[in-house]
């Protein structure tokens, strides 16, 4: 049975988890959320001997998409996602960098393909369902592999926390509805990686995450 593997490359001063997600046998995969520090990402790709077939974006914030165009140009691959509701964010990445005073080479991003809820993407035989998951950002999407019980949750759900909603386009009520209606129903045994910090399992977060306690 083909196996999925992942390598995390922390990038930008925000220590965003750029994720190299790949088939462990063929070493073909994708880069999820190359927020910056593109030379570090390319070094990890080379060290692992990966063939990258596409770049996937969960959403349009600087720390997730700031290096996307540079990596796309370097690798000659498609830039896919997020949902088109994040087009305004992606068109203002350079402004985001100025707003936060973050040094580095960041560029506004234009995807080759937008994603919608219910779309599917694949890494070899590994099929991922695209789930539109707004709240942290209007066009945020997450990637769910049902066979492996694996979710890339972006900045929707974290180990012990949830995505912040005090940035442009954020809405706390929408985020919590996304988690309640779209993420938790995937099942307690589903493991996830996220945009910052360690991963977890949905069941562990249902039981212990302070943001998920109390009335639904």
N, C-alpha and C. Protein backbone atom coordinates (compact mmCIF):
# COMPACT_ATOMS: atom_id res chain seq x y z
N UNK A 1 0.84 -1.19 0.00
CA UNK A 1 0.00 0.00 0.00
C UNK A 1 0.88 1.25 0.00
N UNK A 2 0.59 2.19 -0.88
CA UNK A 2 1.36 3.42 -0.95
C UNK A 2 1.22 4.20 0.35
N UNK A 3 2.31 4.82 0.75
CA UNK A 3 2.33 5.56 2.02
C UNK A 3 2.58 7.03 1.78
N UNK A 4 1.87 7.86 2.53
CA UNK A 4 2.11 9.29 2.53
C UNK A 4 3.19 9.63 3.55
N UNK A 5 4.01 10.61 3.24
CA UNK A 5 5.01 11.10 4.18
C UNK A 5 5.01 12.62 4.12
N UNK A 6 5.50 13.23 5.17
CA UNK A 6 5.51 14.69 5.23
C UNK A 6 6.80 15.17 5.87
N UNK A 7 7.28 16.29 5.39
CA UNK A 7 8.44 16.97 5.97
C UNK A 7 8.03 18.43 6.18
N UNK A 8 8.24 18.92 7.39
CA UNK A 8 7.89 20.30 7.72
C UNK A 8 9.14 21.17 7.61
N UNK A 9 9.01 22.30 6.91
CA UNK A 9 10.08 23.28 6.80
C UNK A 9 9.56 24.59 7.39
N UNK A 10 9.96 24.96 8.61
CA UNK A 10 9.48 26.22 9.19
C UNK A 10 10.04 27.41 8.41
N UNK A 11 9.14 28.33 8.01
CA UNK A 11 9.56 29.47 7.19
C UNK A 11 9.00 30.76 7.76
N UNK A 12 9.67 31.85 7.42
CA UNK A 12 9.31 33.23 7.78
C UNK A 12 9.46 33.42 9.29
N UNK A 13 9.49 34.69 9.72
CA UNK A 13 9.54 34.95 11.17
C UNK A 13 8.34 34.41 11.92
N UNK A 14 7.26 34.08 11.20
CA UNK A 14 6.07 33.51 11.84
C UNK A 14 6.19 32.00 12.07
N UNK A 15 7.32 31.41 11.63
CA UNK A 15 7.55 29.97 11.78
C UNK A 15 6.36 29.15 11.28
N UNK A 16 5.99 29.47 10.05
CA UNK A 16 4.90 28.76 9.39
C UNK A 16 5.40 27.41 8.91
N UNK A 17 4.53 26.40 9.06
CA UNK A 17 4.89 25.04 8.66
C UNK A 17 4.69 24.84 7.17
N UNK A 18 5.66 25.20 6.35
CA UNK A 18 5.62 24.78 4.95
C UNK A 18 5.75 23.26 4.95
N UNK A 19 4.86 22.60 4.21
CA UNK A 19 4.78 21.13 4.27
C UNK A 19 5.12 20.52 2.92
N UNK A 20 6.10 19.62 2.90
CA UNK A 20 6.37 18.79 1.74
C UNK A 20 5.62 17.48 1.95
N UNK A 21 4.59 17.27 1.18
CA UNK A 21 3.74 16.09 1.33
C UNK A 21 3.94 15.21 0.11
N UNK A 22 4.31 13.94 0.34
CA UNK A 22 4.74 13.14 -0.80
C UNK A 22 4.46 11.65 -0.59
N UNK A 23 4.47 10.93 -1.71
CA UNK A 23 4.36 9.47 -1.67
C UNK A 23 5.73 8.91 -1.31
N UNK A 24 5.78 8.11 -0.26
CA UNK A 24 7.05 7.64 0.27
C UNK A 24 7.76 6.67 -0.67
N UNK A 25 7.04 6.06 -1.58
CA UNK A 25 7.66 5.11 -2.50
C UNK A 25 8.16 5.78 -3.78
N UNK A 26 7.33 6.60 -4.39
CA UNK A 26 7.72 7.25 -5.64
C UNK A 26 8.50 8.54 -5.43
N UNK A 27 8.41 9.10 -4.22
CA UNK A 27 9.04 10.39 -3.88
C UNK A 27 8.52 11.52 -4.77
N UNK A 28 7.27 11.40 -5.18
CA UNK A 28 6.60 12.48 -5.91
C UNK A 28 5.61 13.14 -4.97
N UNK A 29 5.56 14.48 -5.00
CA UNK A 29 4.71 15.14 -4.04
C UNK A 29 4.41 16.58 -4.37
N UNK A 30 3.94 17.31 -3.35
CA UNK A 30 3.55 18.70 -3.50
C UNK A 30 4.15 19.51 -2.34
N UNK A 31 4.21 20.81 -2.55
CA UNK A 31 4.57 21.73 -1.48
C UNK A 31 3.31 22.47 -1.07
N UNK A 32 2.99 22.42 0.21
CA UNK A 32 1.82 23.14 0.72
C UNK A 32 2.29 24.37 1.49
N UNK A 33 1.82 25.53 1.06
CA UNK A 33 2.05 26.81 1.74
C UNK A 33 3.53 27.21 1.86
N UNK A 34 4.17 27.49 0.73
CA UNK A 34 5.53 28.02 0.77
C UNK A 34 5.51 29.52 1.07
N UNK A 35 5.50 29.86 2.34
CA UNK A 35 5.32 31.25 2.74
C UNK A 35 6.53 32.13 2.51
N UNK A 36 7.69 31.55 2.39
CA UNK A 36 8.92 32.32 2.20
C UNK A 36 10.11 31.41 2.39
N UNK A 37 11.31 32.02 2.51
CA UNK A 37 12.54 31.24 2.69
C UNK A 37 12.64 30.14 1.65
N UNK A 38 12.41 30.51 0.41
CA UNK A 38 12.37 29.53 -0.69
C UNK A 38 13.66 28.71 -0.80
N UNK A 39 14.85 29.31 -0.59
CA UNK A 39 16.05 28.46 -0.64
C UNK A 39 16.02 27.32 0.37
N UNK A 40 15.47 27.53 1.56
CA UNK A 40 15.37 26.46 2.55
C UNK A 40 14.42 25.36 2.08
N UNK A 41 13.33 25.76 1.45
CA UNK A 41 12.37 24.78 0.92
C UNK A 41 13.01 23.95 -0.18
N UNK A 42 13.71 24.61 -1.09
CA UNK A 42 14.36 23.89 -2.19
C UNK A 42 15.45 22.94 -1.66
N UNK A 43 16.15 23.36 -0.63
CA UNK A 43 17.18 22.51 -0.04
C UNK A 43 16.56 21.24 0.54
N UNK A 44 15.41 21.37 1.20
CA UNK A 44 14.72 20.20 1.76
C UNK A 44 14.23 19.28 0.65
N UNK A 45 13.72 19.86 -0.42
CA UNK A 45 13.27 19.05 -1.57
C UNK A 45 14.43 18.24 -2.13
N UNK A 46 15.57 18.90 -2.29
CA UNK A 46 16.74 18.21 -2.84
C UNK A 46 17.26 17.14 -1.88
N UNK A 47 17.26 17.45 -0.59
CA UNK A 47 17.77 16.50 0.41
C UNK A 47 16.94 15.22 0.42
N UNK A 48 15.64 15.36 0.24
CA UNK A 48 14.75 14.20 0.26
C UNK A 48 14.66 13.52 -1.11
N UNK A 49 15.21 14.16 -2.14
CA UNK A 49 15.14 13.59 -3.49
C UNK A 49 13.75 13.60 -4.08
N UNK A 50 12.97 14.63 -3.78
CA UNK A 50 11.57 14.68 -4.21
C UNK A 50 11.43 15.26 -5.61
N UNK A 51 10.40 14.80 -6.30
CA UNK A 51 9.93 15.42 -7.52
C UNK A 51 8.63 16.12 -7.18
N UNK A 52 8.64 17.45 -7.21
CA UNK A 52 7.45 18.22 -6.83
C UNK A 52 6.59 18.45 -8.06
N UNK A 53 5.31 18.11 -7.93
CA UNK A 53 4.39 18.18 -9.07
C UNK A 53 3.48 19.39 -9.03
N UNK A 54 3.32 20.03 -7.86
CA UNK A 54 2.45 21.20 -7.76
C UNK A 54 2.69 21.88 -6.42
N UNK A 55 2.21 23.11 -6.32
CA UNK A 55 2.17 23.84 -5.06
C UNK A 55 0.70 24.04 -4.71
N UNK A 56 0.33 23.69 -3.49
CA UNK A 56 -1.04 23.89 -3.00
C UNK A 56 -1.03 24.98 -1.94
N UNK A 57 -2.02 25.86 -2.00
CA UNK A 57 -2.16 26.90 -0.98
C UNK A 57 -3.44 26.69 -0.18
N UNK A 58 -3.34 26.79 1.14
CA UNK A 58 -4.54 26.74 1.98
C UNK A 58 -5.25 28.08 2.03
N UNK A 59 -4.48 29.18 2.02
CA UNK A 59 -5.09 30.51 2.06
C UNK A 59 -4.07 31.57 1.69
N UNK A 60 -4.50 32.84 1.68
CA UNK A 60 -3.71 33.89 1.09
C UNK A 60 -2.90 34.76 2.02
N UNK A 61 -2.70 34.35 3.26
CA UNK A 61 -1.89 35.17 4.16
C UNK A 61 -0.41 35.09 3.79
N UNK A 62 0.28 36.17 4.09
CA UNK A 62 1.69 36.33 3.77
C UNK A 62 2.54 35.12 4.12
N UNK A 63 2.40 34.61 5.34
CA UNK A 63 3.30 33.55 5.81
C UNK A 63 3.01 32.21 5.17
N UNK A 64 1.92 32.10 4.42
CA UNK A 64 1.58 30.86 3.74
C UNK A 64 1.79 30.93 2.23
N UNK A 65 1.73 32.14 1.69
CA UNK A 65 1.76 32.27 0.23
C UNK A 65 2.85 33.20 -0.29
N UNK A 66 3.62 33.81 0.60
CA UNK A 66 4.56 34.84 0.20
C UNK A 66 5.68 34.37 -0.72
N UNK A 67 6.04 33.09 -0.65
CA UNK A 67 7.10 32.56 -1.51
C UNK A 67 6.57 31.72 -2.67
N UNK A 68 5.25 31.72 -2.85
CA UNK A 68 4.64 30.80 -3.81
C UNK A 68 5.08 31.07 -5.25
N UNK A 69 5.11 32.34 -5.64
CA UNK A 69 5.45 32.64 -7.03
C UNK A 69 6.92 32.35 -7.33
N UNK A 70 7.80 32.63 -6.35
CA UNK A 70 9.22 32.33 -6.55
C UNK A 70 9.45 30.83 -6.67
N UNK A 71 8.76 30.04 -5.82
CA UNK A 71 8.94 28.59 -5.89
C UNK A 71 8.32 28.03 -7.17
N UNK A 72 7.19 28.58 -7.56
CA UNK A 72 6.56 28.16 -8.82
C UNK A 72 7.51 28.37 -9.99
N UNK A 73 8.16 29.53 -10.03
CA UNK A 73 9.08 29.83 -11.11
C UNK A 73 10.30 28.91 -11.08
N UNK A 74 10.77 28.60 -9.87
CA UNK A 74 11.96 27.77 -9.73
C UNK A 74 11.69 26.32 -10.13
N UNK A 75 10.50 25.82 -9.82
CA UNK A 75 10.19 24.41 -10.05
C UNK A 75 9.42 24.18 -11.35
N UNK A 76 8.82 25.23 -11.91
CA UNK A 76 8.06 25.07 -13.14
C UNK A 76 6.80 24.23 -12.97
N UNK A 77 6.09 24.45 -11.83
CA UNK A 77 4.89 23.67 -11.54
C UNK A 77 3.69 24.60 -11.39
N UNK A 78 2.50 24.00 -11.32
CA UNK A 78 1.28 24.78 -11.14
C UNK A 78 1.13 25.23 -9.69
N UNK A 79 0.51 26.40 -9.54
CA UNK A 79 0.11 26.91 -8.23
C UNK A 79 -1.39 26.74 -8.11
N UNK A 80 -1.82 25.94 -7.16
CA UNK A 80 -3.22 25.52 -7.05
C UNK A 80 -3.80 25.98 -5.72
N UNK A 81 -4.98 26.62 -5.78
CA UNK A 81 -5.66 27.08 -4.58
C UNK A 81 -5.17 28.43 -4.12
N UNK A 82 -5.82 28.97 -3.13
CA UNK A 82 -6.98 28.44 -2.39
C UNK A 82 -8.29 28.72 -3.11
N UNK A 83 -9.37 28.90 -2.35
CA UNK A 83 -10.65 29.33 -2.90
C UNK A 83 -10.53 30.78 -3.37
N UNK A 84 -11.26 31.13 -4.42
CA UNK A 84 -11.15 32.46 -5.02
C UNK A 84 -11.53 33.60 -4.07
N UNK A 85 -12.20 33.29 -2.97
CA UNK A 85 -12.51 34.33 -1.99
C UNK A 85 -11.26 34.96 -1.39
N UNK A 86 -10.12 34.29 -1.54
CA UNK A 86 -8.87 34.84 -1.03
C UNK A 86 -8.08 35.60 -2.09
N UNK A 87 -8.67 35.85 -3.25
CA UNK A 87 -7.98 36.62 -4.29
C UNK A 87 -7.51 37.99 -3.80
N UNK A 88 -8.32 38.72 -3.02
CA UNK A 88 -7.84 40.02 -2.52
C UNK A 88 -6.61 39.90 -1.63
N UNK A 89 -6.54 38.86 -0.80
CA UNK A 89 -5.37 38.67 0.05
C UNK A 89 -4.13 38.36 -0.78
N UNK A 90 -4.28 37.48 -1.76
CA UNK A 90 -3.14 37.09 -2.57
C UNK A 90 -2.61 38.26 -3.41
N UNK A 91 -3.50 39.18 -3.76
CA UNK A 91 -3.08 40.34 -4.55
C UNK A 91 -2.41 41.41 -3.70
N UNK A 92 -2.41 41.21 -2.38
CA UNK A 92 -1.83 42.21 -1.48
C UNK A 92 -0.77 41.61 -0.55
N UNK A 93 -0.12 40.56 -0.97
CA UNK A 93 0.92 39.95 -0.13
C UNK A 93 2.03 40.94 0.18
N UNK A 94 2.45 41.69 -0.83
CA UNK A 94 3.53 42.66 -0.60
C UNK A 94 3.10 43.73 0.39
N UNK A 95 1.83 44.14 0.33
CA UNK A 95 1.31 45.10 1.31
C UNK A 95 1.26 44.47 2.71
N UNK A 96 0.91 43.17 2.78
CA UNK A 96 0.90 42.49 4.07
C UNK A 96 2.29 42.52 4.71
N UNK A 97 3.33 42.28 3.89
CA UNK A 97 4.70 42.28 4.40
C UNK A 97 5.07 43.65 4.97
N UNK A 98 4.65 44.71 4.27
CA UNK A 98 4.93 46.06 4.77
C UNK A 98 4.16 46.33 6.06
N UNK A 99 2.92 45.87 6.12
CA UNK A 99 2.08 46.10 7.29
C UNK A 99 2.68 45.47 8.54
N UNK A 100 3.21 44.24 8.37
CA UNK A 100 3.81 43.53 9.50
C UNK A 100 5.28 43.87 9.70
N UNK A 101 5.87 44.62 8.76
CA UNK A 101 7.29 44.96 8.87
C UNK A 101 8.18 43.74 8.76
N UNK A 102 7.78 42.77 7.92
CA UNK A 102 8.52 41.52 7.80
C UNK A 102 9.54 41.63 6.66
N UNK A 103 10.82 41.43 6.95
CA UNK A 103 11.81 41.47 5.87
C UNK A 103 11.78 40.19 5.04
N UNK A 104 12.23 40.29 3.80
CA UNK A 104 12.29 39.10 2.96
C UNK A 104 11.72 39.38 1.59
N UNK A 105 11.87 38.40 0.71
CA UNK A 105 11.39 38.52 -0.66
C UNK A 105 10.01 37.88 -0.77
N UNK A 106 8.99 38.71 -0.80
CA UNK A 106 7.61 38.23 -0.90
C UNK A 106 6.98 38.82 -2.15
N UNK A 107 6.06 38.08 -2.76
CA UNK A 107 5.43 38.55 -3.99
C UNK A 107 3.94 38.22 -3.98
N UNK A 108 3.16 39.14 -4.54
CA UNK A 108 1.75 38.85 -4.75
C UNK A 108 1.61 37.59 -5.60
N UNK A 109 0.55 36.83 -5.35
CA UNK A 109 0.43 35.52 -5.99
C UNK A 109 -0.82 35.43 -6.86
N UNK A 110 -0.69 34.75 -7.99
CA UNK A 110 -1.81 34.49 -8.89
C UNK A 110 -1.86 32.99 -9.17
N UNK A 111 -2.81 32.27 -8.57
CA UNK A 111 -2.89 30.83 -8.81
C UNK A 111 -3.22 30.49 -10.26
N UNK A 112 -2.77 29.33 -10.69
CA UNK A 112 -3.16 28.79 -11.98
C UNK A 112 -4.57 28.21 -11.93
N UNK A 113 -4.99 27.85 -10.73
CA UNK A 113 -6.30 27.22 -10.57
C UNK A 113 -6.82 27.52 -9.17
N UNK A 114 -8.07 27.99 -9.10
CA UNK A 114 -8.74 28.16 -7.81
C UNK A 114 -9.42 26.85 -7.42
N UNK A 115 -9.73 26.71 -6.15
CA UNK A 115 -10.37 25.49 -5.65
C UNK A 115 -11.74 25.81 -5.09
N UNK A 116 -12.64 24.84 -5.20
CA UNK A 116 -13.98 24.94 -4.63
C UNK A 116 -14.22 23.77 -3.69
N UNK A 117 -15.15 23.95 -2.78
CA UNK A 117 -15.56 22.88 -1.89
C UNK A 117 -16.00 21.68 -2.71
N UNK A 118 -15.46 20.51 -2.39
CA UNK A 118 -15.82 19.30 -3.10
C UNK A 118 -14.88 18.92 -4.23
N UNK A 119 -13.94 19.82 -4.57
CA UNK A 119 -12.92 19.45 -5.55
C UNK A 119 -12.03 18.34 -5.00
N UNK A 120 -11.26 17.74 -5.86
CA UNK A 120 -10.29 16.74 -5.41
C UNK A 120 -8.94 17.00 -6.05
N UNK A 121 -7.89 16.66 -5.32
CA UNK A 121 -6.52 16.75 -5.79
C UNK A 121 -5.85 15.42 -5.50
N UNK A 122 -4.74 15.14 -6.16
CA UNK A 122 -4.10 13.85 -5.94
C UNK A 122 -2.59 13.98 -5.94
N UNK A 123 -1.97 13.13 -5.12
CA UNK A 123 -0.53 12.88 -5.15
C UNK A 123 -0.39 11.41 -5.51
N UNK A 124 -0.13 11.12 -6.77
CA UNK A 124 -0.13 9.72 -7.19
C UNK A 124 -1.50 9.11 -6.96
N UNK A 125 -1.56 8.03 -6.17
CA UNK A 125 -2.83 7.38 -5.88
C UNK A 125 -3.51 7.94 -4.65
N UNK A 126 -2.90 8.92 -4.01
CA UNK A 126 -3.46 9.51 -2.79
C UNK A 126 -4.40 10.65 -3.18
N UNK A 127 -5.69 10.45 -2.96
CA UNK A 127 -6.69 11.44 -3.35
C UNK A 127 -7.08 12.29 -2.14
N UNK A 128 -7.07 13.60 -2.34
CA UNK A 128 -7.43 14.55 -1.29
C UNK A 128 -8.71 15.28 -1.64
N UNK A 129 -9.63 15.30 -0.70
CA UNK A 129 -10.85 16.08 -0.85
C UNK A 129 -10.56 17.52 -0.41
N UNK A 130 -11.03 18.47 -1.19
CA UNK A 130 -10.88 19.88 -0.86
C UNK A 130 -12.12 20.33 -0.10
N UNK A 131 -11.90 20.91 1.08
CA UNK A 131 -13.00 21.40 1.90
C UNK A 131 -12.80 22.90 2.09
N UNK A 132 -13.78 23.70 1.65
CA UNK A 132 -13.72 25.14 1.87
C UNK A 132 -13.98 25.37 3.36
N UNK A 133 -13.03 26.03 4.02
CA UNK A 133 -13.05 26.13 5.48
C UNK A 133 -12.81 27.58 5.91
N UNK A 134 -13.78 28.48 5.66
CA UNK A 134 -13.57 29.90 5.96
C UNK A 134 -13.62 30.20 7.45
N UNK A 135 -13.19 31.41 7.77
CA UNK A 135 -13.20 31.88 9.16
C UNK A 135 -11.89 32.55 9.49
N UNK A 136 -10.79 31.82 9.35
CA UNK A 136 -9.47 32.43 9.49
C UNK A 136 -9.19 33.34 8.31
N UNK A 137 -9.59 32.90 7.13
CA UNK A 137 -9.54 33.68 5.91
C UNK A 137 -10.73 33.25 5.05
N UNK A 138 -11.28 34.17 4.25
CA UNK A 138 -12.52 33.83 3.53
C UNK A 138 -12.37 32.66 2.56
N UNK A 139 -11.19 32.53 1.95
CA UNK A 139 -11.00 31.48 0.96
C UNK A 139 -10.19 30.29 1.43
N UNK A 140 -10.06 30.15 2.74
CA UNK A 140 -9.26 29.05 3.29
C UNK A 140 -9.82 27.70 2.86
N UNK A 141 -8.93 26.79 2.48
CA UNK A 141 -9.32 25.41 2.20
C UNK A 141 -8.43 24.47 3.01
N UNK A 142 -8.94 23.27 3.26
CA UNK A 142 -8.14 22.21 3.88
C UNK A 142 -8.17 21.00 2.97
N UNK A 143 -7.20 20.11 3.16
CA UNK A 143 -7.01 18.96 2.28
C UNK A 143 -7.14 17.67 3.10
N UNK A 144 -8.10 16.82 2.74
CA UNK A 144 -8.42 15.63 3.53
C UNK A 144 -8.24 14.38 2.70
N UNK A 145 -7.38 13.47 3.20
CA UNK A 145 -7.20 12.16 2.58
C UNK A 145 -7.95 11.14 3.42
N UNK A 146 -9.08 10.71 2.91
CA UNK A 146 -9.97 9.83 3.67
C UNK A 146 -9.32 8.47 3.93
N UNK A 147 -8.63 7.92 2.95
CA UNK A 147 -8.03 6.58 3.09
C UNK A 147 -7.00 6.54 4.21
N UNK A 148 -6.18 7.58 4.29
CA UNK A 148 -5.13 7.62 5.32
C UNK A 148 -5.62 8.21 6.63
N UNK A 149 -6.82 8.77 6.65
CA UNK A 149 -7.30 9.44 7.86
C UNK A 149 -6.42 10.62 8.22
N UNK A 150 -6.09 11.42 7.18
CA UNK A 150 -5.14 12.53 7.36
C UNK A 150 -5.72 13.82 6.82
N UNK A 151 -5.51 14.90 7.56
CA UNK A 151 -5.99 16.22 7.18
C UNK A 151 -4.86 17.23 7.26
N UNK A 152 -4.72 18.04 6.22
CA UNK A 152 -3.88 19.23 6.34
C UNK A 152 -4.83 20.37 6.64
N UNK A 153 -4.75 20.89 7.88
CA UNK A 153 -5.76 21.81 8.40
C UNK A 153 -5.39 23.28 8.23
N UNK A 154 -4.22 23.57 7.67
CA UNK A 154 -3.84 24.97 7.53
C UNK A 154 -3.91 25.70 8.86
N UNK A 155 -4.56 26.88 8.85
CA UNK A 155 -4.68 27.67 10.07
C UNK A 155 -6.09 27.64 10.63
N UNK A 156 -6.83 26.55 10.40
CA UNK A 156 -8.18 26.43 10.95
C UNK A 156 -8.13 25.90 12.38
N UNK A 157 -7.45 24.77 12.56
CA UNK A 157 -7.40 24.10 13.86
C UNK A 157 -5.96 23.77 14.19
N UNK A 158 -5.58 24.02 15.46
CA UNK A 158 -4.24 23.74 15.95
C UNK A 158 -4.32 22.80 17.14
N UNK A 159 -3.17 22.30 17.56
CA UNK A 159 -3.09 21.56 18.81
C UNK A 159 -3.29 22.55 19.95
N UNK A 160 -4.45 22.51 20.57
CA UNK A 160 -4.74 23.37 21.71
C UNK A 160 -5.26 24.74 21.37
N UNK A 161 -5.51 25.02 20.10
CA UNK A 161 -5.96 26.35 19.74
C UNK A 161 -6.73 26.29 18.42
N UNK A 162 -7.16 27.46 17.95
CA UNK A 162 -7.83 27.59 16.66
C UNK A 162 -7.22 28.80 15.95
N UNK A 163 -7.54 28.96 14.68
CA UNK A 163 -6.98 30.05 13.91
C UNK A 163 -7.40 31.41 14.44
N UNK A 164 -6.50 32.37 14.34
CA UNK A 164 -6.83 33.72 14.77
C UNK A 164 -7.78 34.35 13.75
N UNK A 165 -8.60 35.27 14.25
CA UNK A 165 -9.61 35.89 13.38
C UNK A 165 -9.57 37.41 13.46
N UNK A 166 -8.44 37.95 13.93
CA UNK A 166 -8.31 39.40 14.05
C UNK A 166 -7.57 40.01 12.87
N UNK A 167 -7.38 39.25 11.81
CA UNK A 167 -6.76 39.74 10.59
C UNK A 167 -7.85 40.04 9.56
N UNK A 168 -7.54 40.85 8.52
CA UNK A 168 -8.55 41.14 7.51
C UNK A 168 -9.18 39.88 6.93
N UNK A 169 -10.50 39.86 6.90
CA UNK A 169 -11.23 38.71 6.38
C UNK A 169 -11.55 37.66 7.41
N UNK A 170 -11.03 37.81 8.62
CA UNK A 170 -11.28 36.83 9.67
C UNK A 170 -12.64 37.03 10.32
N UNK A 171 -13.26 35.94 10.75
CA UNK A 171 -14.54 36.01 11.44
C UNK A 171 -14.65 34.82 12.39
N UNK A 172 -14.69 35.10 13.68
CA UNK A 172 -14.62 34.01 14.67
C UNK A 172 -15.84 33.09 14.59
N UNK A 173 -17.03 33.65 14.45
CA UNK A 173 -18.22 32.80 14.39
C UNK A 173 -18.17 31.87 13.18
N UNK A 174 -17.70 32.39 12.06
CA UNK A 174 -17.57 31.56 10.86
C UNK A 174 -16.54 30.46 11.08
N UNK A 175 -15.40 30.80 11.70
CA UNK A 175 -14.37 29.80 11.97
C UNK A 175 -14.91 28.68 12.84
N UNK A 176 -15.60 29.03 13.92
CA UNK A 176 -16.10 28.00 14.82
C UNK A 176 -17.16 27.13 14.15
N UNK A 177 -17.97 27.73 13.27
CA UNK A 177 -18.95 26.94 12.52
C UNK A 177 -18.25 25.99 11.56
N UNK A 178 -17.15 26.45 10.95
CA UNK A 178 -16.36 25.58 10.07
C UNK A 178 -15.83 24.39 10.83
N UNK A 179 -15.26 24.64 12.01
CA UNK A 179 -14.70 23.54 12.80
C UNK A 179 -15.80 22.57 13.22
N UNK A 180 -16.93 23.12 13.69
CA UNK A 180 -18.04 22.28 14.17
C UNK A 180 -18.66 21.46 13.05
N UNK A 181 -18.89 22.10 11.89
CA UNK A 181 -19.68 21.47 10.84
C UNK A 181 -18.85 20.72 9.79
N UNK A 182 -17.57 21.08 9.65
CA UNK A 182 -16.78 20.50 8.57
C UNK A 182 -15.56 19.72 9.04
N UNK A 183 -14.97 20.11 10.17
CA UNK A 183 -13.73 19.46 10.62
C UNK A 183 -14.01 18.34 11.62
N UNK A 184 -14.72 18.64 12.70
CA UNK A 184 -14.98 17.62 13.71
C UNK A 184 -15.71 16.40 13.15
N UNK A 185 -16.66 16.54 12.22
CA UNK A 185 -17.34 15.35 11.69
C UNK A 185 -16.44 14.40 10.90
N UNK A 186 -15.23 14.81 10.56
CA UNK A 186 -14.34 13.89 9.84
C UNK A 186 -13.96 12.69 10.70
N UNK A 187 -14.02 12.84 12.03
CA UNK A 187 -13.80 11.70 12.91
C UNK A 187 -12.63 11.87 13.85
N UNK A 188 -12.78 11.30 15.05
CA UNK A 188 -11.78 11.50 16.10
C UNK A 188 -10.42 10.91 15.78
N UNK A 189 -10.37 9.88 14.94
CA UNK A 189 -9.09 9.23 14.66
C UNK A 189 -8.29 9.94 13.58
N UNK A 190 -8.86 10.93 12.95
CA UNK A 190 -8.15 11.65 11.89
C UNK A 190 -7.02 12.48 12.48
N UNK A 191 -5.82 12.26 11.97
CA UNK A 191 -4.67 13.05 12.38
C UNK A 191 -4.51 14.24 11.46
N UNK A 192 -3.96 15.33 12.00
CA UNK A 192 -3.80 16.51 11.13
C UNK A 192 -2.48 17.21 11.39
N UNK A 193 -1.99 17.82 10.32
CA UNK A 193 -0.91 18.79 10.40
C UNK A 193 -1.52 20.17 10.21
N UNK A 194 -0.86 21.18 10.75
CA UNK A 194 -1.43 22.52 10.69
C UNK A 194 -0.35 23.53 10.34
N UNK A 195 -0.76 24.79 10.24
CA UNK A 195 0.12 25.82 9.74
C UNK A 195 1.19 26.30 10.70
N UNK A 196 1.02 26.01 11.98
CA UNK A 196 1.99 26.44 12.99
C UNK A 196 1.97 25.41 14.12
N UNK A 197 3.14 25.08 14.63
CA UNK A 197 3.21 24.18 15.77
C UNK A 197 2.98 22.72 15.42
N UNK A 198 2.84 21.88 16.46
CA UNK A 198 2.71 20.43 16.23
C UNK A 198 1.33 20.06 15.72
N UNK A 199 1.24 18.88 15.12
CA UNK A 199 -0.03 18.35 14.71
C UNK A 199 -0.76 17.69 15.87
N UNK A 200 -1.90 17.09 15.59
CA UNK A 200 -2.69 16.45 16.64
C UNK A 200 -3.70 15.52 15.97
N UNK A 201 -4.66 15.06 16.76
CA UNK A 201 -5.79 14.29 16.23
C UNK A 201 -7.09 15.03 16.57
N UNK A 202 -8.07 14.87 15.71
CA UNK A 202 -9.32 15.59 15.92
C UNK A 202 -9.94 15.21 17.26
N UNK A 203 -9.88 13.93 17.62
CA UNK A 203 -10.47 13.51 18.89
C UNK A 203 -9.81 14.16 20.09
N UNK A 204 -8.48 14.28 20.04
CA UNK A 204 -7.77 14.93 21.14
C UNK A 204 -8.19 16.38 21.26
N UNK A 205 -8.39 17.05 20.14
CA UNK A 205 -8.81 18.45 20.19
C UNK A 205 -10.26 18.58 20.65
N UNK A 206 -11.10 17.65 20.22
CA UNK A 206 -12.49 17.68 20.68
C UNK A 206 -12.56 17.58 22.21
N UNK A 207 -11.67 16.74 22.78
CA UNK A 207 -11.71 16.52 24.23
C UNK A 207 -11.00 17.59 25.04
N UNK A 208 -9.91 18.16 24.52
CA UNK A 208 -9.04 18.99 25.37
C UNK A 208 -8.83 20.41 24.89
N UNK A 209 -9.13 20.71 23.64
CA UNK A 209 -8.89 22.06 23.14
C UNK A 209 -9.84 23.03 23.82
N UNK A 210 -9.30 24.04 24.54
CA UNK A 210 -10.19 24.92 25.30
C UNK A 210 -11.18 25.70 24.44
N UNK A 211 -10.84 25.91 23.17
CA UNK A 211 -11.74 26.65 22.29
C UNK A 211 -12.94 25.81 21.83
N UNK A 212 -12.86 24.50 22.05
CA UNK A 212 -13.91 23.60 21.58
C UNK A 212 -14.79 23.09 22.71
N UNK A 213 -14.59 23.61 23.90
CA UNK A 213 -15.38 23.17 25.03
C UNK A 213 -16.60 24.08 25.19
N UNK A 214 -17.62 23.59 25.88
CA UNK A 214 -18.81 24.39 26.10
C UNK A 214 -19.86 24.12 25.05
N UNK A 215 -20.91 24.94 25.00
CA UNK A 215 -22.03 24.71 24.09
C UNK A 215 -21.56 24.73 22.64
N UNK A 216 -22.15 23.88 21.83
CA UNK A 216 -21.83 23.82 20.41
C UNK A 216 -22.32 25.07 19.70
